[in-house]
Amino acid sequence: MFNIRNDDIKFLEKKARTMDVDLARTFLAVVETGSFVEAAKRVFVTQSTVSMRIKSLEELMGKTLFERSKAGASMSPAGVQFQKHALAMVRVWEQARLEVALPSGYQAALTVGGQYSLWDGFLLEWVARMRAKAPDIALRTQSGFSNVLMQRLVEGTLDIGVMYTPQNRPGFALEMLFEEELVLVSSETRAPERPGATYKPGKNYIYVDWGPEFQADHSLNFPDLSTSGLYMELGSLSLKYLLENRASGYFPKRLVVPHLQDGRLKLVPQAPVFHYPAYVVYPADKEPDLMNLAIRTMRKVAAAHTAV
């Protein structure tokens, strides 16, 4: 990871005397969401706490940082100026925290975040390969949806993010790794749908939450299915349930190929298939040798899955 510069340390020490870093995080959450309500969800506090933090921050700065309206909150000219300092504060603080907490015997640390569905069968394999190739690198992992991962990248709490819908930000590199294919599979023994028939989820259908992208496509393709009798958040548990019970649900094809081949699962005909490119995003100013190793390893794991 990159080294903390002396001027960054002085800046952090000066600001830390008068400002809690949580104030800067809350400020950035409001900037990203444009709403005190949504920012509260992002930083896991109440709306009143967000309002109190922003008020405290504005009192410290002596300036109004947001212009409030019924539509939400937008940065004032002073807020625009403060944004780059808030980002620098959070980044330097997190860098310092991680370097101080580096386990004994390790040369560097890498924090990697991925969407929940990308951990099973992809990022977990990447972690295993990295541990074998670079045993002196400490790895920290996080999970979340694309918007949360991008926010953490911007704040500097993530070194690498792997997600479906990244935002193109200055100073960040973005690379497509592979195309995820979500297919509807079933462990039920019912007869296939007649040719040309439109698929309709049955009572044993599992709605697996694969994130906002899937939610939008699912609603578009199944507008009459407002709720499902079985809702599950974790794909790995959902697949285990599917293999042990008669049910159907959407899963990444790379995860179910072995079960399709051995006959435990079958593709549901006439069901729509959803495609989501998976991207890796990382700051361009990170230590090149460590970042190159991490990204090269991800490419190899992705290529192995693409070949299946």
C-alpha atoms as a PDB file:
ATOM      1  CA  MET A   1       0.000   0.000   0.000  1.00  0.00           C
ATOM      2  CA  PHE A   2       1.181   3.542  -0.581  1.00  0.00           C
ATOM      3  CA  ASN A   3       3.136   5.332   2.141  1.00  0.00           C
ATOM      4  CA  ILE A   4       1.654   8.208   4.136  1.00  0.00           C
ATOM      5  CA  ARG A   5       3.349  11.464   3.203  1.00  0.00           C
ATOM      6  CA  ASN A   6       4.549  13.851   5.922  1.00  0.00           C
ATOM      7  CA  ASP A   7       2.268  16.647   4.725  1.00  0.00           C
ATOM      8  CA  ASP A   8      -0.693  14.243   4.864  1.00  0.00           C
ATOM      9  CA  ILE A   9       0.169  13.315   8.447  1.00  0.00           C
ATOM     10  CA  LYS A  10       0.399  16.980   9.458  1.00  0.00           C
ATOM     11  CA  PHE A  11      -2.934  17.679   7.776  1.00  0.00           C
ATOM     12  CA  LEU A  12      -4.550  14.728   9.568  1.00  0.00           C
ATOM     13  CA  GLU A  13      -3.130  15.709  12.963  1.00  0.00           C
ATOM     14  CA  LYS A  14      -4.278  19.299  12.583  1.00  0.00           C
ATOM     15  CA  LYS A  15      -7.820  18.376  11.556  1.00  0.00           C
ATOM     16  CA  ALA A  16      -8.141  15.529  14.072  1.00  0.00           C
ATOM     17  CA  ARG A  17      -7.690  17.987  16.951  1.00  0.00           C
ATOM     18  CA  THR A  18     -10.971  19.703  16.101  1.00  0.00           C
ATOM     19  CA  MET A  19     -12.899  17.210  14.017  1.00  0.00           C
ATOM     20  CA  ASP A  20     -14.080  13.625  14.460  1.00  0.00           C
ATOM     21  CA  VAL A  21     -13.345  11.622  11.300  1.00  0.00           C
ATOM     22  CA  ASP A  22     -16.938  10.336  11.492  1.00  0.00           C
ATOM     23  CA  LEU A  23     -18.068  13.875  10.657  1.00  0.00           C
ATOM     24  CA  ALA A  24     -16.115  13.698   7.411  1.00  0.00           C
ATOM     25  CA  ARG A  25     -17.537  10.249   6.627  1.00  0.00           C
ATOM     26  CA  THR A  26     -21.061  11.506   7.252  1.00  0.00           C
ATOM     27  CA  PHE A  27     -20.448  14.557   5.068  1.00  0.00           C
ATOM     28  CA  LEU A  28     -19.304  12.307   2.211  1.00  0.00           C
ATOM     29  CA  ALA A  29     -22.312  10.033   2.653  1.00  0.00           C
ATOM     30  CA  VAL A  30     -24.652  13.021   2.249  1.00  0.00           C
ATOM     31  CA  VAL A  31     -22.704  14.115  -0.836  1.00  0.00           C
ATOM     32  CA  GLU A  32     -22.999  10.657  -2.396  1.00  0.00           C
ATOM     33  CA  THR A  33     -26.683  10.106  -1.638  1.00  0.00           C
ATOM     34  CA  GLY A  34     -27.964  13.681  -1.816  1.00  0.00           C
ATOM     35  CA  SER A  35     -30.134  12.953   1.208  1.00  0.00           C
ATOM     36  CA  PHE A  36     -29.784  12.999   4.988  1.00  0.00           C
ATOM     37  CA  VAL A  37     -32.161  10.025   5.164  1.00  0.00           C
ATOM     38  CA  GLU A  38     -30.136   7.887   2.743  1.00  0.00           C
ATOM     39  CA  ALA A  39     -26.870   9.011   4.306  1.00  0.00           C
ATOM     40  CA  ALA A  40     -28.129   7.742   7.669  1.00  0.00           C
ATOM     41  CA  LYS A  41     -28.623   4.301   6.124  1.00  0.00           C
ATOM     42  CA  ARG A  42     -25.168   4.451   4.576  1.00  0.00           C
ATOM     43  CA  VAL A  43     -23.338   5.191   7.840  1.00  0.00           C
ATOM     44  CA  PHE A  44     -25.715   3.151  10.031  1.00  0.00           C
ATOM     45  CA  VAL A  45     -27.006   5.955  12.260  1.00  0.00           C
ATOM     46  CA  THR A  46     -30.315   7.803  12.651  1.00  0.00           C
ATOM     47  CA  GLN A  47     -31.285  10.779  10.507  1.00  0.00           C
ATOM     48  CA  SER A  48     -31.131  13.030  13.570  1.00  0.00           C
ATOM     49  CA  THR A  49     -27.537  11.926  14.146  1.00  0.00           C
ATOM     50  CA  VAL A  50     -26.646  12.835  10.568  1.00  0.00           C
ATOM     51  CA  SER A  51     -28.259  16.252  11.004  1.00  0.00           C
ATOM     52  CA  MET A  52     -26.378  16.783  14.262  1.00  0.00           C
ATOM     53  CA  ARG A  53     -23.041  15.781  12.706  1.00  0.00           C
ATOM     54  CA  ILE A  54     -23.485  18.071   9.709  1.00  0.00           C
ATOM     55  CA  LYS A  55     -24.501  20.933  12.014  1.00  0.00           C
ATOM     56  CA  SER A  56     -21.395  20.333  14.148  1.00  0.00           C
ATOM     57  CA  LEU A  57     -19.246  20.245  11.030  1.00  0.00           C
ATOM     58  CA  GLU A  58     -20.714  23.495   9.720  1.00  0.00           C
ATOM     59  CA  GLU A  59     -20.099  25.152  13.093  1.00  0.00           C
ATOM     60  CA  LEU A  60     -16.465  23.988  13.041  1.00  0.00           C
ATOM     61  CA  MET A  61     -15.965  25.228   9.489  1.00  0.00           C
ATOM     62  CA  GLY A  62     -17.956  28.402   9.994  1.00  0.00           C
ATOM     63  CA  LYS A  63     -19.720  27.786   6.673  1.00  0.00           C
ATOM     64  CA  THR A  64     -22.924  26.230   5.401  1.00  0.00           C
ATOM     65  CA  LEU A  65     -21.895  23.054   3.586  1.00  0.00           C
ATOM     66  CA  PHE A  66     -25.271  21.947   2.214  1.00  0.00           C
ATOM     67  CA  GLU A  67     -28.260  23.683   0.716  1.00  0.00           C
ATOM     68  CA  ARG A  68     -31.368  21.887   1.988  1.00  0.00           C
ATOM     69  CA  SER A  69     -34.612  21.551   0.061  1.00  0.00           C
ATOM     70  CA  LYS A  70     -37.547  19.166  -0.254  1.00  0.00           C
ATOM     71  CA  ALA A  71     -35.624  17.431  -3.060  1.00  0.00           C
ATOM     72  CA  GLY A  72     -32.702  16.662  -0.756  1.00  0.00           C
ATOM     73  CA  ALA A  73     -29.308  18.191   0.016  1.00  0.00           C
ATOM     74  CA  SER A  74     -26.797  19.607  -2.441  1.00  0.00           C
ATOM     75  CA  MET A  75     -23.360  21.007  -1.703  1.00  0.00           C
ATOM     76  CA  SER A  76     -22.906  24.718  -1.245  1.00  0.00           C
ATOM     77  CA  PRO A  77     -19.779  26.359  -2.723  1.00  0.00           C
ATOM     78  CA  ALA A  78     -18.095  25.849   0.667  1.00  0.00           C
ATOM     79  CA  GLY A  79     -19.158  22.194   0.603  1.00  0.00           C
ATOM     80  CA  VAL A  80     -17.560  21.714  -2.795  1.00  0.00           C
ATOM     81  CA  GLN A  81     -14.302  23.127  -1.436  1.00  0.00           C
ATOM     82  CA  PHE A  82     -14.453  20.963   1.678  1.00  0.00           C
ATOM     83  CA  GLN A  83     -15.142  17.718  -0.193  1.00  0.00           C
ATOM     84  CA  LYS A  84     -11.532  17.132  -1.263  1.00  0.00           C
ATOM     85  CA  HIS A  85     -10.330  17.714   2.294  1.00  0.00           C
ATOM     86  CA  ALA A  86     -12.921  15.305   3.691  1.00  0.00           C
ATOM     87  CA  LEU A  87     -11.777  12.648   1.227  1.00  0.00           C
ATOM     88  CA  ALA A  88      -8.131  13.217   2.149  1.00  0.00           C
ATOM     89  CA  MET A  89      -8.921  12.998   5.857  1.00  0.00           C
ATOM     90  CA  VAL A  90     -10.744   9.697   5.577  1.00  0.00           C
ATOM     91  CA  ARG A  91      -8.156   8.167   3.254  1.00  0.00           C
ATOM     92  CA  VAL A  92      -5.184   9.134   5.416  1.00  0.00           C
ATOM     93  CA  TRP A  93      -6.951   8.085   8.606  1.00  0.00           C
ATOM     94  CA  GLU A  94      -7.816   4.655   7.209  1.00  0.00           C
ATOM     95  CA  GLN A  95      -4.308   4.243   5.822  1.00  0.00           C
ATOM     96  CA  ALA A  96      -2.804   5.054   9.197  1.00  0.00           C
ATOM     97  CA  ARG A  97      -5.214   2.715  10.994  1.00  0.00           C
ATOM     98  CA  LEU A  98      -4.406  -0.194   8.682  1.00  0.00           C
ATOM     99  CA  GLU A  99      -0.651   0.314   8.822  1.00  0.00           C
ATOM    100  CA  VAL A 100      -0.664   0.479  12.619  1.00  0.00           C
ATOM    101  CA  ALA A 101      -2.820  -2.657  12.760  1.00  0.00           C
ATOM    102  CA  LEU A 102      -0.660  -4.640  10.309  1.00  0.00           C
ATOM    103  CA  PRO A 103      -0.133  -8.125  11.801  1.00  0.00           C
ATOM    104  CA  SER A 104       3.395  -9.115  12.809  1.00  0.00           C
ATOM    105  CA  GLY A 105       5.302 -10.834  10.023  1.00  0.00           C
ATOM    106  CA  TYR A 106       3.346  -9.210   7.187  1.00  0.00           C
ATOM    107  CA  GLN A 107       4.817  -6.685   4.755  1.00  0.00           C
ATOM    108  CA  ALA A 108       1.614  -5.012   3.579  1.00  0.00           C
ATOM    109  CA  ALA A 109      -2.169  -5.246   3.721  1.00  0.00           C
ATOM    110  CA  LEU A 110      -4.809  -5.316   1.018  1.00  0.00           C
ATOM    111  CA  THR A 111      -8.503  -4.687   1.638  1.00  0.00           C
ATOM    112  CA  VAL A 112     -10.810  -6.185  -0.978  1.00  0.00           C
ATOM    113  CA  GLY A 113     -14.568  -5.802  -1.259  1.00  0.00           C
ATOM    114  CA  GLY A 114     -16.979  -7.615  -3.533  1.00  0.00           C
ATOM    115  CA  GLN A 115     -20.664  -7.999  -4.196  1.00  0.00           C
ATOM    116  CA  TYR A 116     -22.108 -10.904  -2.252  1.00  0.00           C
ATOM    117  CA  SER A 117     -22.679 -13.082  -5.321  1.00  0.00           C
ATOM    118  CA  LEU A 118     -19.084 -12.625  -6.504  1.00  0.00           C
ATOM    119  CA  TRP A 119     -17.547 -14.155  -3.388  1.00  0.00           C
ATOM    120  CA  ASP A 120     -18.891 -17.657  -3.983  1.00  0.00           C
ATOM    121  CA  GLY A 121     -16.820 -19.440  -6.580  1.00  0.00           C
ATOM    122  CA  PHE A 122     -14.728 -16.409  -7.582  1.00  0.00           C
ATOM    123  CA  LEU A 123     -13.301 -14.083  -4.938  1.00  0.00           C
ATOM    124  CA  LEU A 124     -12.869 -16.888  -2.410  1.00  0.00           C
ATOM    125  CA  GLU A 125     -10.752 -18.699  -4.981  1.00  0.00           C
ATOM    126  CA  TRP A 126      -8.821 -15.469  -5.562  1.00  0.00           C
ATOM    127  CA  VAL A 127      -8.127 -15.200  -1.825  1.00  0.00           C
ATOM    128  CA  ALA A 128      -6.761 -18.765  -1.778  1.00  0.00           C
ATOM    129  CA  ARG A 129      -4.442 -18.068  -4.715  1.00  0.00           C
ATOM    130  CA  MET A 130      -3.219 -14.799  -3.194  1.00  0.00           C
ATOM    131  CA  ARG A 131      -2.455 -16.517   0.097  1.00  0.00           C
ATOM    132  CA  ALA A 132      -0.371 -19.057  -1.799  1.00  0.00           C
ATOM    133  CA  LYS A 133       1.425 -16.495  -3.997  1.00  0.00           C
ATOM    134  CA  ALA A 134       1.942 -13.747  -1.422  1.00  0.00           C
ATOM    135  CA  PRO A 135       1.846 -15.212   2.105  1.00  0.00           C
ATOM    136  CA  ASP A 136       3.386 -12.012   3.533  1.00  0.00           C
ATOM    137  CA  ILE A 137       0.399  -9.901   2.412  1.00  0.00           C
ATOM    138  CA  ALA A 138      -2.419  -9.548   4.936  1.00  0.00           C
ATOM    139  CA  LEU A 139      -5.853  -9.694   3.296  1.00  0.00           C
ATOM    140  CA  ARG A 140      -9.011  -8.066   4.633  1.00  0.00           C
ATOM    141  CA  THR A 141     -12.347  -8.720   2.959  1.00  0.00           C
ATOM    142  CA  GLN A 142     -15.670  -6.871   2.832  1.00  0.00           C
ATOM    143  CA  SER A 143     -19.036  -7.407   1.137  1.00  0.00           C
ATOM    144  CA  GLY A 144     -21.616  -4.981  -0.201  1.00  0.00           C
ATOM    145  CA  PHE A 145     -23.484  -3.768  -3.247  1.00  0.00           C
ATOM    146  CA  SER A 146     -21.901  -1.611  -5.957  1.00  0.00           C
ATOM    147  CA  ASN A 147     -22.838   1.781  -4.492  1.00  0.00           C
ATOM    148  CA  VAL A 148     -21.467   0.894  -1.056  1.00  0.00           C
ATOM    149  CA  LEU A 149     -18.243  -0.525  -2.502  1.00  0.00           C
ATOM    150  CA  MET A 150     -17.681   2.580  -4.641  1.00  0.00           C
ATOM    151  CA  GLN A 151     -18.190   4.800  -1.604  1.00  0.00           C
ATOM    152  CA  ARG A 152     -15.601   2.805   0.331  1.00  0.00           C
ATOM    153  CA  LEU A 153     -13.161   3.059  -2.574  1.00  0.00           C
ATOM    154  CA  VAL A 154     -13.623   6.824  -2.689  1.00  0.00           C
ATOM    155  CA  GLU A 155     -13.161   7.077   1.079  1.00  0.00           C
ATOM    156  CA  GLY A 156     -10.020   4.938   0.899  1.00  0.00           C
ATOM    157  CA  THR A 157     -11.304   2.108   3.093  1.00  0.00           C
ATOM    158  CA  LEU A 158     -11.068  -0.321   0.154  1.00  0.00           C
ATOM    159  CA  ASP A 159      -8.059  -1.035  -2.055  1.00  0.00           C
ATOM    160  CA  ILE A 160      -9.974  -3.139  -4.599  1.00  0.00           C
ATOM    161  CA  GLY A 161     -13.669  -3.455  -5.368  1.00  0.00           C
ATOM    162  CA  VAL A 162     -15.298  -6.126  -7.554  1.00  0.00           C
ATOM    163  CA  MET A 163     -18.835  -5.303  -8.644  1.00  0.00           C
ATOM    164  CA  TYR A 164     -21.417  -5.282 -11.431  1.00  0.00           C
ATOM    165  CA  THR A 165     -22.171  -1.564 -11.843  1.00  0.00           C
ATOM    166  CA  PRO A 166     -19.122   0.572 -10.994  1.00  0.00           C
ATOM    167  CA  GLN A 167     -19.019   4.338 -11.323  1.00  0.00           C
ATOM    168  CA  ASN A 168     -16.325   5.812 -13.532  1.00  0.00           C
ATOM    169  CA  ARG A 169     -14.362   8.093 -11.196  1.00  0.00           C
ATOM    170  CA  PRO A 170     -11.188  10.125 -11.864  1.00  0.00           C
ATOM    171  CA  GLY A 171      -8.139   8.467 -10.378  1.00  0.00           C
ATOM    172  CA  PHE A 172      -9.617   4.962 -10.470  1.00  0.00           C
ATOM    173  CA  ALA A 173      -8.826   2.150 -12.890  1.00  0.00           C
ATOM    174  CA  LEU A 174     -11.719  -0.003 -14.093  1.00  0.00           C
ATOM    175  CA  GLU A 175     -11.468  -3.352 -15.882  1.00  0.00           C
ATOM    176  CA  MET A 176     -14.047  -5.938 -16.903  1.00  0.00           C
ATOM    177  CA  LEU A 177     -13.192  -9.409 -15.605  1.00  0.00           C
ATOM    178  CA  PHE A 178     -15.979 -11.606 -16.965  1.00  0.00           C
ATOM    179  CA  GLU A 179     -19.695 -11.601 -17.731  1.00  0.00           C
ATOM    180  CA  GLU A 180     -21.899 -13.041 -15.031  1.00  0.00           C
ATOM    181  CA  GLU A 181     -24.861 -15.075 -16.281  1.00  0.00           C
ATOM    182  CA  LEU A 182     -27.784 -15.631 -13.917  1.00  0.00           C
ATOM    183  CA  VAL A 183     -29.927 -18.582 -14.968  1.00  0.00           C
ATOM    184  CA  LEU A 184     -33.088 -20.077 -13.506  1.00  0.00           C
ATOM    185  CA  VAL A 185     -32.493 -23.632 -12.291  1.00  0.00           C
ATOM    186  CA  SER A 186     -34.752 -26.133 -10.583  1.00  0.00           C
ATOM    187  CA  SER A 187     -34.502 -29.261  -8.470  1.00  0.00           C
ATOM    188  CA  GLU A 188     -38.182 -30.042  -9.011  1.00  0.00           C
ATOM    189  CA  THR A 189     -39.272 -33.036 -11.075  1.00  0.00           C
ATOM    190  CA  ARG A 190     -42.227 -31.393 -12.803  1.00  0.00           C
ATOM    191  CA  ALA A 191     -42.559 -31.617 -16.587  1.00  0.00           C
ATOM    192  CA  PRO A 192     -40.879 -28.854 -18.606  1.00  0.00           C
ATOM    193  CA  GLU A 193     -42.918 -25.878 -19.784  1.00  0.00           C
ATOM    194  CA  ARG A 194     -44.489 -26.362 -23.193  1.00  0.00           C
ATOM    195  CA  PRO A 195     -42.474 -24.807 -26.047  1.00  0.00           C
ATOM    196  CA  GLY A 196     -43.163 -21.093 -26.430  1.00  0.00           C
ATOM    197  CA  ALA A 197     -44.884 -20.789 -23.040  1.00  0.00           C
ATOM    198  CA  THR A 198     -44.005 -17.851 -20.807  1.00  0.00           C
ATOM    199  CA  TYR A 199     -42.395 -18.967 -17.564  1.00  0.00           C
ATOM    200  CA  LYS A 200     -44.163 -18.065 -14.339  1.00  0.00           C
ATOM    201  CA  PRO A 201     -42.487 -18.743 -10.951  1.00  0.00           C
ATOM    202  CA  GLY A 202     -44.355 -21.341  -8.902  1.00  0.00           C
ATOM    203  CA  LYS A 203     -44.990 -21.620  -5.185  1.00  0.00           C
ATOM    204  CA  ASN A 204     -41.593 -23.266  -4.585  1.00  0.00           C
ATOM    205  CA  TYR A 205     -39.725 -20.393  -6.224  1.00  0.00           C
ATOM    206  CA  ILE A 206     -36.890 -18.850  -4.159  1.00  0.00           C
ATOM    207  CA  TYR A 207     -36.231 -15.157  -4.624  1.00  0.00           C
ATOM    208  CA  VAL A 208     -32.493 -14.787  -4.052  1.00  0.00           C
ATOM    209  CA  ASP A 209     -31.365 -11.199  -3.555  1.00  0.00           C
ATOM    210  CA  TRP A 210     -28.488 -10.770  -5.995  1.00  0.00           C
ATOM    211  CA  GLY A 211     -28.513  -6.990  -5.669  1.00  0.00           C
ATOM    212  CA  PRO A 212     -30.144  -3.897  -7.200  1.00  0.00           C
ATOM    213  CA  GLU A 213     -29.318  -4.880 -10.776  1.00  0.00           C
ATOM    214  CA  PHE A 214     -31.099  -8.215 -10.419  1.00  0.00           C
ATOM    215  CA  GLN A 215     -33.985  -6.624  -8.528  1.00  0.00           C
ATOM    216  CA  ALA A 216     -34.655  -4.236 -11.423  1.00  0.00           C
ATOM    217  CA  ASP A 217     -34.467  -6.945 -14.120  1.00  0.00           C
ATOM    218  CA  HIS A 218     -36.557  -9.355 -12.063  1.00  0.00           C
ATOM    219  CA  SER A 219     -39.327  -6.769 -11.572  1.00  0.00           C
ATOM    220  CA  LEU A 220     -39.302  -5.981 -15.283  1.00  0.00           C
ATOM    221  CA  ASN A 221     -39.596  -9.625 -16.331  1.00  0.00           C
ATOM    222  CA  PHE A 222     -41.948 -10.749 -13.573  1.00  0.00           C
ATOM    223  CA  PRO A 223     -44.158  -7.712 -12.878  1.00  0.00           C
ATOM    224  CA  ASP A 224     -46.924  -9.863 -11.371  1.00  0.00           C
ATOM    225  CA  LEU A 225     -44.609 -11.385  -8.778  1.00  0.00           C
ATOM    226  CA  SER A 226     -44.501  -8.645  -6.137  1.00  0.00           C
ATOM    227  CA  THR A 227     -43.425 -11.022  -3.366  1.00  0.00           C
ATOM    228  CA  SER A 228     -42.162 -14.580  -3.153  1.00  0.00           C
ATOM    229  CA  GLY A 229     -43.051 -17.240  -0.625  1.00  0.00           C
ATOM    230  CA  LEU A 230     -39.360 -17.703   0.115  1.00  0.00           C
ATOM    231  CA  TYR A 231     -36.871 -14.818   0.142  1.00  0.00           C
ATOM    232  CA  MET A 232     -33.181 -15.452   0.844  1.00  0.00           C
ATOM    233  CA  GLU A 233     -30.241 -13.029   0.939  1.00  0.00           C
ATOM    234  CA  LEU A 234     -27.241 -15.363   0.833  1.00  0.00           C
ATOM    235  CA  GLY A 235     -26.639 -17.217  -2.416  1.00  0.00           C
ATOM    236  CA  SER A 236     -24.578 -20.005  -0.831  1.00  0.00           C
ATOM    237  CA  LEU A 237     -27.354 -20.870   1.633  1.00  0.00           C
ATOM    238  CA  SER A 238     -29.968 -20.591  -1.115  1.00  0.00           C
ATOM    239  CA  LEU A 239     -28.092 -23.059  -3.304  1.00  0.00           C
ATOM    240  CA  LYS A 240     -27.744 -25.483  -0.399  1.00  0.00           C
ATOM    241  CA  TYR A 241     -31.492 -25.259   0.205  1.00  0.00           C
ATOM    242  CA  LEU A 242     -32.201 -25.776  -3.498  1.00  0.00           C
ATOM    243  CA  LEU A 243     -30.088 -28.935  -3.598  1.00  0.00           C
ATOM    244  CA  GLU A 244     -31.828 -30.375  -0.536  1.00  0.00           C
ATOM    245  CA  ASN A 245     -35.409 -29.392  -1.393  1.00  0.00           C
ATOM    246  CA  ARG A 246     -37.655 -29.210  -4.435  1.00  0.00           C
ATOM    247  CA  ALA A 247     -37.456 -25.585  -5.505  1.00  0.00           C
ATOM    248  CA  SER A 248     -36.246 -23.208  -8.207  1.00  0.00           C
ATOM    249  CA  GLY A 249     -34.341 -19.951  -8.273  1.00  0.00           C
ATOM    250  CA  TYR A 250     -31.826 -17.772 -10.099  1.00  0.00           C
ATOM    251  CA  PHE A 251     -28.121 -18.469  -9.630  1.00  0.00           C
ATOM    252  CA  PRO A 252     -24.840 -17.596 -11.377  1.00  0.00           C
ATOM    253  CA  LYS A 253     -24.306 -20.241 -14.028  1.00  0.00           C
ATOM    254  CA  ARG A 254     -20.682 -20.756 -12.943  1.00  0.00           C
ATOM    255  CA  LEU A 255     -21.943 -21.982  -9.560  1.00  0.00           C
ATOM    256  CA  VAL A 256     -24.517 -24.452 -10.840  1.00  0.00           C
ATOM    257  CA  VAL A 257     -22.649 -26.008 -13.795  1.00  0.00           C
ATOM    258  CA  PRO A 258     -21.452 -29.025 -11.747  1.00  0.00           C
ATOM    259  CA  HIS A 259     -25.007 -29.680 -10.522  1.00  0.00           C
ATOM    260  CA  LEU A 260     -26.402 -29.334 -14.051  1.00  0.00           C
ATOM    261  CA  GLN A 261     -23.837 -31.858 -15.263  1.00  0.00           C
ATOM    262  CA  ASP A 262     -24.617 -34.434 -12.582  1.00  0.00           C
ATOM    263  CA  GLY A 263     -28.375 -34.014 -13.024  1.00  0.00           C
ATOM    264  CA  ARG A 264     -29.174 -32.663  -9.568  1.00  0.00           C
ATOM    265  CA  LEU A 265     -30.413 -29.435 -11.162  1.00  0.00           C
ATOM    266  CA  LYS A 266     -31.853 -28.537 -14.553  1.00  0.00           C
ATOM    267  CA  LEU A 267     -32.281 -25.310 -16.453  1.00  0.00           C
ATOM    268  CA  VAL A 268     -35.840 -24.012 -16.594  1.00  0.00           C
ATOM    269  CA  PRO A 269     -36.850 -23.569 -20.253  1.00  0.00           C
ATOM    270  CA  GLN A 270     -38.389 -20.318 -21.494  1.00  0.00           C
ATOM    271  CA  ALA A 271     -37.061 -18.453 -18.440  1.00  0.00           C
ATOM    272  CA  PRO A 272     -35.180 -15.185 -19.085  1.00  0.00           C
ATOM    273  CA  VAL A 273     -31.424 -15.113 -18.536  1.00  0.00           C
ATOM    274  CA  PHE A 274     -29.764 -12.062 -16.946  1.00  0.00           C
ATOM    275  CA  HIS A 275     -26.268 -10.877 -17.862  1.00  0.00           C
ATOM    276  CA  TYR A 276     -24.082  -8.669 -15.644  1.00  0.00           C
ATOM    277  CA  PRO A 277     -20.459  -7.805 -16.484  1.00  0.00           C
ATOM    278  CA  ALA A 278     -18.241  -8.064 -13.396  1.00  0.00           C
ATOM    279  CA  TYR A 279     -15.627  -5.316 -13.019  1.00  0.00           C
ATOM    280  CA  VAL A 280     -12.615  -4.746 -10.799  1.00  0.00           C
ATOM    281  CA  VAL A 281     -12.062  -1.154  -9.641  1.00  0.00           C
ATOM    282  CA  TYR A 282      -9.033   0.205  -7.787  1.00  0.00           C
ATOM    283  CA  PRO A 283      -7.209   3.514  -7.189  1.00  0.00           C
ATOM    284  CA  ALA A 284      -4.507   4.170  -9.751  1.00  0.00           C
ATOM    285  CA  ASP A 285      -2.059   5.448  -7.114  1.00  0.00           C
ATOM    286  CA  LYS A 286      -1.715   2.215  -5.139  1.00  0.00           C
ATOM    287  CA  GLU A 287       1.586   0.328  -4.874  1.00  0.00           C
ATOM    288  CA  PRO A 288       2.055  -0.994  -8.435  1.00  0.00           C
ATOM    289  CA  ASP A 289       3.737  -4.332  -7.652  1.00  0.00           C
ATOM    290  CA  LEU A 290       1.136  -5.410  -5.112  1.00  0.00           C
ATOM    291  CA  MET A 291      -1.783  -4.179  -7.200  1.00  0.00           C
ATOM    292  CA  ASN A 292      -0.457  -5.826 -10.367  1.00  0.00           C
ATOM    293  CA  LEU A 293      -0.155  -9.161  -8.563  1.00  0.00           C
ATOM    294  CA  ALA A 294      -3.705  -8.891  -7.218  1.00  0.00           C
ATOM    295  CA  ILE A 295      -5.231  -7.949 -10.579  1.00  0.00           C
ATOM    296  CA  ARG A 296      -3.240 -10.560 -12.531  1.00  0.00           C
ATOM    297  CA  THR A 297      -4.473 -13.225 -10.138  1.00  0.00           C
ATOM    298  CA  MET A 298      -8.067 -12.045 -10.573  1.00  0.00           C
ATOM    299  CA  ARG A 299      -7.714 -12.244 -14.350  1.00  0.00           C
ATOM    300  CA  LYS A 300      -6.508 -15.848 -14.093  1.00  0.00           C
ATOM    301  CA  VAL A 301      -9.391 -16.863 -11.843  1.00  0.00           C
ATOM    302  CA  ALA A 302     -11.845 -15.076 -14.172  1.00  0.00           C
ATOM    303  CA  ALA A 303     -10.356 -16.787 -17.230  1.00  0.00           C
ATOM    304  CA  ALA A 304     -10.753 -20.186 -15.571  1.00  0.00           C
ATOM    305  CA  HIS A 305     -14.449 -19.507 -14.979  1.00  0.00           C
ATOM    306  CA  THR A 306     -14.959 -18.165 -18.492  1.00  0.00           C
ATOM    307  CA  ALA A 307     -13.522 -21.390 -19.909  1.00  0.00           C
ATOM    308  CA  VAL A 308     -16.149 -23.502 -18.068  1.00  0.00           C
END
